[in-house]
């Protein structure tokens, strides 16, 4: 009845090799006694390669999908920020053009003053007004033209009595007309001082507003550049935290992982520097993760963490604090070897020492693994016979070479019919 079980049938083993190679290989080596070991080795290698290549292809597809998703999210965020900046700039322009009463009133004041000046010039026959229009600063002209009215009168008429006799028999009239000039020049200096003050103040106000517009535009441009930089850094930081939430990494390992996702080196370093990770704790988590799926010696686990690019001090922290019982780890490793192959007592002890367990840890594993060494000799003899023919004495010597005792070797040969 035991031979009729489906999982021992050749067809089921072949199907399992195709669909999920690890289980198929296990069934091939444990339940197919007809096939020679050489053939088993070849089939195991072929289906292992097929399985690994399929698994690798799947992982690459998943990473490519994540990369496309990250790039799409980055583009969306960038477009949203640009639209927000454009909206803010439009609002600023609207506030300047429509909502500033000072800006509108100043323009009106300039227009009103210009209109008044234009109407005043042709309607005033007084020549002194021409002097005012040719000089935008009447007060200065008044000072220069009539600093001392009495002196001007004296220079223009040094001898009033002589000049008055031929030109005007009435000296009083000439004197009166000559004295009129300073007063006329003085009077039309500025008919509306308040308007002139407003006009002179209008330009600085407008220039200030124009400068403010340019400054705000420059600030928005600089904020756009900083926003672009922060988006890439924020995305890299988010990816770093996501990786750390599901797995454990060394500092260098996380930088390389982000660079593999095509972040720049600067963004990757920024994210790793700011992700808040405790690298000693990351080494401890990685050590516990390895111990949950396999068994290691103290030295073997430390080397594995250093291979993951943790520093030596971080690796030692992880190994020292992982809580492993190294005797139990040696025992687990011994049982793992016995589940897939056959060993003599001495051969298994040497194998554990090769895995860098101490001699006492290796002996603990071998002594407590529960192996029947006679049965191990039987399995080893059968394995040899499946690959090549042996004589009785030749097979006994081969088993003794594998460090079985003579009694165990004889027992193994006898059980295989030699």
Protein backbone atom coordinates (compact mmCIF):
# COMPACT_ATOMS: atom_id res chain seq x y z
CA UNK A 1 0.00 0.00 0.00
CA UNK A 2 2.85 2.35 0.73
CA UNK A 3 4.06 2.12 -2.88
CA UNK A 4 0.61 3.12 -4.14
CA UNK A 5 0.67 6.52 -2.47
CA UNK A 6 0.39 9.24 -5.11
CA UNK A 7 3.30 11.37 -3.94
CA UNK A 8 5.68 8.44 -4.47
CA UNK A 9 4.59 7.93 -8.06
CA UNK A 10 6.93 9.02 -10.84
CA UNK A 11 4.27 11.07 -12.63
CA UNK A 12 3.53 13.10 -9.50
CA UNK A 13 7.22 13.71 -8.85
CA UNK A 14 7.67 14.93 -12.45
CA UNK A 15 4.66 17.26 -12.20
CA UNK A 16 5.95 18.66 -8.91
CA UNK A 17 9.39 19.24 -10.42
CA UNK A 18 7.79 21.31 -13.16
CA UNK A 19 5.38 23.29 -10.97
CA UNK A 20 7.47 23.79 -7.81
CA UNK A 21 10.99 22.44 -8.08
CA UNK A 22 12.00 22.43 -4.36
CA UNK A 23 9.23 19.97 -3.41
CA UNK A 24 9.81 17.91 -6.55
CA UNK A 25 13.53 17.58 -5.77
CA UNK A 26 12.72 16.53 -2.22
CA UNK A 27 10.32 13.83 -3.47
CA UNK A 28 12.81 12.74 -6.14
CA UNK A 29 15.58 12.04 -3.64
CA UNK A 30 13.42 10.50 -0.94
CA UNK A 31 10.86 8.41 -2.81
CA UNK A 32 12.37 7.49 -6.16
CA UNK A 33 14.71 4.60 -5.56
CA UNK A 34 14.76 3.40 -9.15
CA UNK A 35 16.68 6.33 -10.62
CA UNK A 36 20.44 6.53 -10.22
CA UNK A 37 21.98 9.36 -8.27
CA UNK A 38 23.70 10.81 -11.32
CA UNK A 39 20.36 11.21 -13.04
CA UNK A 40 18.87 12.71 -9.89
CA UNK A 41 21.69 15.22 -9.69
CA UNK A 42 21.20 16.27 -13.32
CA UNK A 43 17.43 16.63 -12.93
CA UNK A 44 17.86 18.52 -9.67
CA UNK A 45 20.25 20.99 -11.28
CA UNK A 46 18.05 21.52 -14.33
CA UNK A 47 14.85 22.17 -12.41
CA UNK A 48 16.65 24.26 -9.80
CA UNK A 49 17.95 26.55 -12.55
CA UNK A 50 14.49 26.77 -14.12
CA UNK A 51 12.92 27.59 -10.76
CA UNK A 52 15.53 30.25 -9.89
CA UNK A 53 15.30 31.90 -13.31
CA UNK A 54 11.49 32.05 -13.05
CA UNK A 55 11.71 33.47 -9.54
CA UNK A 56 14.28 36.08 -10.61
CA UNK A 57 12.15 37.13 -13.58
CA UNK A 58 9.16 37.63 -11.28
CA UNK A 59 11.18 39.74 -8.84
CA UNK A 60 12.47 41.96 -11.68
CA UNK A 61 8.92 42.50 -12.96
CA UNK A 62 7.72 43.50 -9.48
CA UNK A 63 10.59 45.99 -9.08
CA UNK A 64 9.94 47.48 -12.52
CA UNK A 65 6.28 47.93 -11.62
CA UNK A 66 7.22 49.69 -8.37
CA UNK A 67 9.65 51.94 -10.26
CA UNK A 68 6.99 52.96 -12.80
CA UNK A 69 4.56 53.64 -9.96
CA UNK A 70 7.08 55.87 -8.15
CA UNK A 71 7.89 57.82 -11.35
CA UNK A 72 4.20 58.36 -12.06
CA UNK A 73 3.59 59.61 -8.54
CA UNK A 74 6.58 61.99 -8.80
CA UNK A 75 5.29 63.47 -12.08
CA UNK A 76 1.80 63.97 -10.63
CA UNK A 77 3.15 65.75 -7.54
CA UNK A 78 5.38 67.98 -9.70
CA UNK A 79 2.48 69.00 -11.95
CA UNK A 80 0.23 69.77 -8.98
CA UNK A 81 2.91 71.99 -7.40
CA UNK A 82 3.45 73.87 -10.68
CA UNK A 83 -0.30 74.52 -11.02
CA UNK A 84 -0.43 75.81 -7.44
CA UNK A 85 2.49 78.18 -8.11
CA UNK A 86 0.82 79.56 -11.26
CA UNK A 87 -2.44 80.09 -9.35
CA UNK A 88 -0.61 81.97 -6.57
CA UNK A 89 1.12 84.22 -9.15
CA UNK A 90 -2.22 85.05 -10.84
CA UNK A 91 -3.75 85.95 -7.48
CA UNK A 92 -0.82 88.24 -6.70
CA UNK A 93 -1.20 90.09 -10.03
CA UNK A 94 -4.94 90.50 -9.50
CA UNK A 95 -4.39 91.96 -6.02
CA UNK A 96 -1.88 94.48 -7.38
CA UNK A 97 -4.01 95.59 -10.38
CA UNK A 98 -7.45 95.66 -8.80
CA UNK A 99 -7.38 95.78 -5.05
CA UNK A 100 -4.76 98.49 -4.31
CA UNK A 101 -6.59 101.86 -3.98
CA UNK A 102 -3.33 103.79 -3.62
CA UNK A 103 -2.10 102.51 -6.93
CA UNK A 104 -5.29 103.70 -8.74
CA UNK A 105 -5.50 107.03 -6.97
CA UNK A 106 -1.89 107.89 -7.73
CA UNK A 107 -2.44 107.34 -11.44
CA UNK A 108 -5.53 109.56 -11.35
CA UNK A 109 -3.60 112.28 -9.57
CA UNK A 110 -0.92 112.26 -12.26
CA UNK A 111 -3.54 112.53 -15.02
CA UNK A 112 -5.40 115.37 -13.26
CA UNK A 113 -2.25 117.37 -12.68
CA UNK A 114 -1.12 117.02 -16.30
CA UNK A 115 -4.53 118.19 -17.49
CA UNK A 116 -4.44 121.28 -15.27
CA UNK A 117 -0.97 122.22 -16.45
CA UNK A 118 -1.92 121.84 -20.12
CA UNK A 119 -4.99 124.08 -19.71
CA UNK A 120 -3.05 126.73 -17.79
CA UNK A 121 -0.22 127.29 -20.27
CA UNK A 122 -2.06 128.73 -23.33
CA UNK A 123 -4.50 130.85 -21.29
CA UNK A 124 -1.91 132.85 -19.34
CA UNK A 125 -0.29 135.75 -21.27
CA UNK A 126 2.13 136.43 -18.48
CA UNK A 127 5.66 135.59 -19.77
CA UNK A 128 6.61 134.49 -16.33
CA UNK A 129 4.44 131.35 -16.84
CA UNK A 130 6.69 130.31 -19.71
CA UNK A 131 9.55 130.35 -17.32
CA UNK A 132 7.55 128.12 -14.99
CA UNK A 133 6.71 125.54 -17.71
CA UNK A 134 10.30 125.32 -18.91
CA UNK A 135 11.50 124.57 -15.41
CA UNK A 136 9.74 121.80 -13.46
CA UNK A 137 10.99 123.24 -10.21
CA UNK A 138 9.66 126.83 -9.98
CA UNK A 139 10.86 127.35 -6.46
CA UNK A 140 14.49 126.86 -7.48
CA UNK A 141 14.10 129.20 -10.44
CA UNK A 142 12.55 131.84 -8.28
CA UNK A 143 15.47 131.69 -5.93
CA UNK A 144 18.06 131.93 -8.72
CA UNK A 145 16.25 134.62 -10.73
CA UNK A 146 15.37 136.85 -7.86
CA UNK A 147 17.67 136.15 -4.99
CA UNK A 148 17.97 139.86 -4.28
CA UNK A 149 15.33 141.97 -6.04
CA UNK A 150 16.96 145.16 -5.00
CA UNK A 151 20.29 144.18 -6.57
CA UNK A 152 18.64 143.19 -9.80
CA UNK A 153 16.96 146.53 -9.99
CA UNK A 154 20.22 148.26 -9.36
CA UNK A 155 22.11 146.34 -12.06
CA UNK A 156 19.45 146.82 -14.68
CA UNK A 157 19.24 150.54 -14.00
CA UNK A 158 22.41 151.90 -12.41
CA UNK A 159 21.39 155.44 -13.11
CA UNK A 160 17.61 155.61 -12.93
CA UNK A 161 17.47 159.31 -13.32
CA UNK A 162 19.48 159.40 -16.61
CA UNK A 163 17.72 156.43 -18.20
CA UNK A 164 14.31 157.64 -17.22
CA UNK A 165 14.60 161.06 -18.90
CA UNK A 166 14.74 159.96 -22.57
CA UNK A 167 12.50 156.88 -22.25
CA UNK A 168 9.84 158.01 -19.89
CA UNK A 169 9.18 161.44 -18.53
CA UNK A 170 7.51 159.78 -15.65
CA UNK A 171 10.13 157.89 -13.69
CA UNK A 172 7.62 156.56 -11.29
CA UNK A 173 5.94 154.47 -14.01
CA UNK A 174 9.17 152.75 -15.10
CA UNK A 175 10.10 152.03 -11.59
CA UNK A 176 6.73 150.53 -11.03
CA UNK A 177 6.98 148.26 -14.09
CA UNK A 178 10.49 147.14 -13.24
CA UNK A 179 9.39 146.28 -9.78
CA UNK A 180 6.49 144.27 -11.14
CA UNK A 181 8.70 141.62 -12.63
CA UNK A 182 9.98 140.11 -9.45
CA UNK A 183 6.50 139.88 -8.08
CA UNK A 184 5.19 138.21 -11.26
CA UNK A 185 8.02 135.73 -11.24
CA UNK A 186 7.35 134.95 -7.65
CA UNK A 187 3.57 134.52 -7.82
CA UNK A 188 3.01 131.61 -10.32
CA UNK A 189 5.47 129.27 -8.67
CA UNK A 190 2.98 126.50 -7.90
CA UNK A 191 -0.77 126.99 -8.08
CA UNK A 192 -1.41 123.62 -6.52
CA UNK A 193 1.38 122.52 -4.20
CA UNK A 194 -0.55 119.51 -3.02
CA UNK A 195 -0.83 118.14 -6.58
CA UNK A 196 2.88 118.59 -7.18
CA UNK A 197 3.64 116.76 -3.98
CA UNK A 198 1.35 113.93 -4.98
CA UNK A 199 2.89 113.78 -8.45
CA UNK A 200 6.42 113.61 -7.06
CA UNK A 201 5.35 110.90 -4.66
CA UNK A 202 3.61 108.86 -7.34
CA UNK A 203 6.72 107.50 -9.02
CA UNK A 204 8.37 106.02 -5.94
CA UNK A 205 5.07 104.37 -5.05
CA UNK A 206 4.74 102.80 -8.49
CA UNK A 207 8.39 101.79 -8.56
CA UNK A 208 8.00 100.20 -5.14
CA UNK A 209 5.02 98.20 -6.32
CA UNK A 210 6.88 97.14 -9.46
CA UNK A 211 9.86 96.06 -7.35
CA UNK A 212 7.53 94.14 -5.06
CA UNK A 213 6.02 92.30 -8.04
CA UNK A 214 9.47 91.37 -9.34
CA UNK A 215 10.59 90.28 -5.88
CA UNK A 216 7.52 88.11 -5.40
CA UNK A 217 8.05 86.54 -8.83
CA UNK A 218 11.69 85.81 -8.00
CA UNK A 219 10.65 84.26 -4.69
CA UNK A 220 8.13 82.06 -6.45
CA UNK A 221 10.77 80.94 -8.93
CA UNK A 222 13.16 80.03 -6.14
CA UNK A 223 10.40 78.23 -4.26
CA UNK A 224 9.68 76.17 -7.40
CA UNK A 225 13.31 75.01 -7.49
CA UNK A 226 13.30 74.08 -3.81
CA UNK A 227 9.96 72.29 -4.27
CA UNK A 228 11.40 70.19 -7.11
CA UNK A 229 14.36 69.18 -4.96
CA UNK A 230 12.19 68.36 -1.94
CA UNK A 231 9.86 66.18 -4.02
CA UNK A 232 12.64 63.81 -5.08
CA UNK A 233 14.09 63.76 -1.57
CA UNK A 234 10.65 63.18 -0.03
CA UNK A 235 9.96 60.28 -2.38
CA UNK A 236 13.34 58.71 -1.62
CA UNK A 237 12.72 59.12 2.12
CA UNK A 238 9.28 57.54 1.77
CA UNK A 239 10.77 54.57 -0.10
CA UNK A 240 13.49 54.15 2.54
CA UNK A 241 10.93 54.07 5.37
CA UNK A 242 8.78 51.64 3.38
CA UNK A 243 11.70 49.23 2.97
CA UNK A 244 12.58 49.48 6.66
CA UNK A 245 8.98 48.77 7.66
CA UNK A 246 9.04 45.38 5.91
CA UNK A 247 12.68 44.31 6.13
CA UNK A 248 16.03 45.24 7.66
CA UNK A 249 18.99 46.88 5.95
CA UNK A 250 22.47 48.14 6.64
CA UNK A 251 23.26 51.79 5.85
CA UNK A 252 25.15 50.91 2.65
CA UNK A 253 22.62 48.25 1.72
CA UNK A 254 19.72 50.73 1.90
CA UNK A 255 21.59 53.34 -0.15
CA UNK A 256 22.27 50.73 -2.85
CA UNK A 257 18.64 49.60 -2.78
CA UNK A 258 17.41 53.17 -3.38
CA UNK A 259 19.96 53.66 -6.16
CA UNK A 260 18.72 50.41 -7.70
CA UNK A 261 15.29 52.09 -7.73
CA UNK A 262 17.02 54.83 -9.80
CA UNK A 263 17.10 57.54 -7.18
CA UNK A 264 20.18 59.72 -7.47
CA UNK A 265 23.06 59.06 -5.08
CA UNK A 266 22.44 62.41 -3.35
CA UNK A 267 18.72 61.69 -2.82
CA UNK A 268 19.46 58.16 -1.61
CA UNK A 269 22.02 59.41 0.92
CA UNK A 270 19.61 62.16 2.06
CA UNK A 271 16.86 59.58 2.62
CA UNK A 272 19.09 57.13 4.52
CA UNK A 273 20.52 59.93 6.66
CA UNK A 274 17.03 61.11 7.61
CA UNK A 275 15.07 57.84 7.86
CA UNK A 276 15.75 57.58 11.61
CA UNK A 277 17.09 54.02 11.51
CA UNK A 278 19.17 52.54 14.34
CA UNK A 279 21.73 50.45 12.46
CA UNK A 280 22.58 48.28 15.46
CA UNK A 281 18.89 47.40 15.75
CA UNK A 282 18.74 46.75 12.02
CA UNK A 283 21.64 44.28 12.39
CA UNK A 284 19.79 42.60 15.27
CA UNK A 285 16.59 42.30 13.21
CA UNK A 286 18.53 40.85 10.28
CA UNK A 287 20.22 38.30 12.57
CA UNK A 288 16.87 37.16 13.98
CA UNK A 289 15.45 36.96 10.46
CA UNK A 290 18.24 34.61 9.37
CA UNK A 291 17.86 32.45 12.49
CA UNK A 292 14.12 32.11 11.90
CA UNK A 293 14.70 30.41 8.54
CA UNK A 294 18.04 28.64 8.97
CA UNK A 295 20.70 27.75 11.52
CA UNK A 296 24.08 29.42 11.97
CA UNK A 297 27.15 29.29 14.12
CA UNK A 298 28.23 32.45 15.95
CA UNK A 299 31.02 33.14 13.46
CA UNK A 300 28.89 32.13 10.48
CA UNK A 301 26.10 34.55 11.42
CA UNK A 302 28.57 37.40 12.01
CA UNK A 303 30.09 36.84 8.56
CA UNK A 304 26.63 36.74 7.00
CA UNK A 305 25.76 40.14 8.51
CA UNK A 306 29.06 41.60 7.30
CA UNK A 307 28.23 40.24 3.84
CA UNK A 308 25.03 42.33 4.10
CA UNK A 309 27.40 45.33 4.58
CA UNK A 310 26.83 45.92 8.25
CA UNK A 311 29.97 47.12 10.00
CA UNK A 312 31.83 44.67 12.23
CA UNK A 313 30.60 46.42 15.39
CA UNK A 314 27.00 46.36 14.13
CA UNK A 315 27.29 42.67 13.18
CA UNK A 316 28.69 41.80 16.61
CA UNK A 317 25.86 43.71 18.28
CA UNK A 318 23.32 41.71 16.28
CA UNK A 319 24.96 38.33 17.02
CA UNK A 320 25.52 39.08 20.71
CA UNK A 321 21.93 40.19 21.29
CA UNK A 322 19.94 37.82 19.07
CA UNK A 323 19.39 35.36 21.94
CA UNK A 324 20.58 32.30 20.02
CA UNK A 325 21.56 29.07 21.79
CA UNK A 326 24.56 27.99 19.73
CA UNK A 327 24.31 24.37 20.90
CA UNK A 328 20.73 24.31 19.63
CA UNK A 329 21.84 25.90 16.40
CA UNK A 330 24.40 23.11 15.95
CA UNK A 331 21.67 20.54 16.62
CA UNK A 332 19.35 22.14 14.06
CA UNK A 333 22.12 22.20 11.49
CA UNK A 334 22.90 18.51 12.13
CA UNK A 335 19.26 17.53 11.64
CA UNK A 336 19.11 19.64 8.49
CA UNK A 337 22.07 17.77 7.01
CA UNK A 338 20.63 14.39 7.96
CA UNK A 339 17.29 15.25 6.31
CA UNK A 340 18.94 15.57 2.89
CA UNK A 341 21.95 13.25 3.08
CA UNK A 342 23.61 10.56 5.18
CA UNK A 343 26.65 10.91 7.45
CA UNK A 344 28.78 8.97 9.84
CA UNK A 345 29.19 10.25 13.38
CA UNK A 346 32.67 11.65 12.71
CA UNK A 347 31.70 12.91 9.26
CA UNK A 348 28.76 14.92 10.63
CA UNK A 349 30.90 16.37 13.44
CA UNK A 350 33.51 17.55 10.91
CA UNK A 351 30.79 19.05 8.74
CA UNK A 352 29.51 21.11 11.68
CA UNK A 353 33.04 22.26 12.48
CA UNK A 354 33.39 23.31 8.83
CA UNK A 355 30.33 25.51 9.41
CA UNK A 356 32.42 27.16 12.18
CA UNK A 357 30.67 25.68 15.16
CA UNK A 358 33.06 25.01 18.02
CA UNK A 359 34.02 21.41 18.74
CA UNK A 360 31.82 21.29 21.85
CA UNK A 361 28.85 22.70 19.90
CA UNK A 362 29.41 20.20 17.08
CA UNK A 363 29.56 17.28 19.52
CA UNK A 364 26.34 18.50 21.17
CA UNK A 365 24.62 18.53 17.80
CA UNK A 366 25.86 15.08 16.78
CA UNK A 367 25.12 13.48 20.17
CA UNK A 368 21.56 14.80 20.29
CA UNK A 369 20.44 14.55 16.66
CA UNK A 370 18.92 11.08 17.22
CA UNK A 371 20.66 9.47 14.25
CA UNK A 372 20.92 5.67 13.92
CA UNK A 373 24.46 5.33 12.56
CA UNK A 374 23.83 1.83 11.24
CA UNK A 375 20.92 3.18 9.22
CA UNK A 376 23.10 6.03 8.03
CA UNK A 377 25.59 3.43 6.78
CA UNK A 378 22.79 1.62 4.94
CA UNK A 379 21.67 4.85 3.24
CA UNK A 380 25.22 5.76 2.25
CA UNK A 381 25.86 2.27 0.82
CA UNK A 382 22.62 2.43 -1.16
CA UNK A 383 23.53 5.87 -2.53
CA UNK A 384 26.88 4.57 -3.77
CA UNK A 385 25.30 1.52 -5.38
CA UNK A 386 22.84 3.75 -7.25
CA UNK A 387 25.70 5.57 -8.95
CA UNK A 388 28.21 2.79 -9.63
CA UNK A 389 28.82 -0.95 -8.96
CA UNK A 390 30.89 -2.06 -5.96
CA UNK A 391 32.21 -5.30 -4.67
CA UNK A 392 31.41 -6.19 -1.06
CA UNK A 393 34.90 -5.42 0.18
CA UNK A 394 35.15 -2.30 -1.97
CA UNK A 395 31.90 -0.91 -0.57
CA UNK A 396 32.97 -1.68 3.02
CA UNK A 397 36.20 0.20 2.46
CA UNK A 398 34.30 3.12 0.91
CA UNK A 399 32.04 3.33 3.94
CA UNK A 400 35.03 3.18 6.28
CA UNK A 401 36.58 5.99 4.23
CA UNK A 402 33.42 7.96 5.04
CA UNK A 403 34.42 7.32 8.69
CA UNK A 404 31.79 4.76 9.56
CA UNK A 405 33.07 2.12 11.95
CA UNK A 406 33.83 -1.34 10.54
CA UNK A 407 30.70 -2.78 12.18
CA UNK A 408 28.52 0.01 10.72
CA UNK A 409 30.06 -0.47 7.27
CA UNK A 410 29.44 -4.26 7.34
CA UNK A 411 25.87 -3.68 8.48
CA UNK A 412 25.27 -1.23 5.64
CA UNK A 413 26.65 -3.60 3.02
CA UNK A 414 24.70 -6.56 4.38
CA UNK A 415 21.42 -4.63 4.29
CA UNK A 416 22.00 -3.82 0.62
CA UNK A 417 22.38 -7.55 -0.31
CA UNK A 418 26.15 -7.76 -0.81
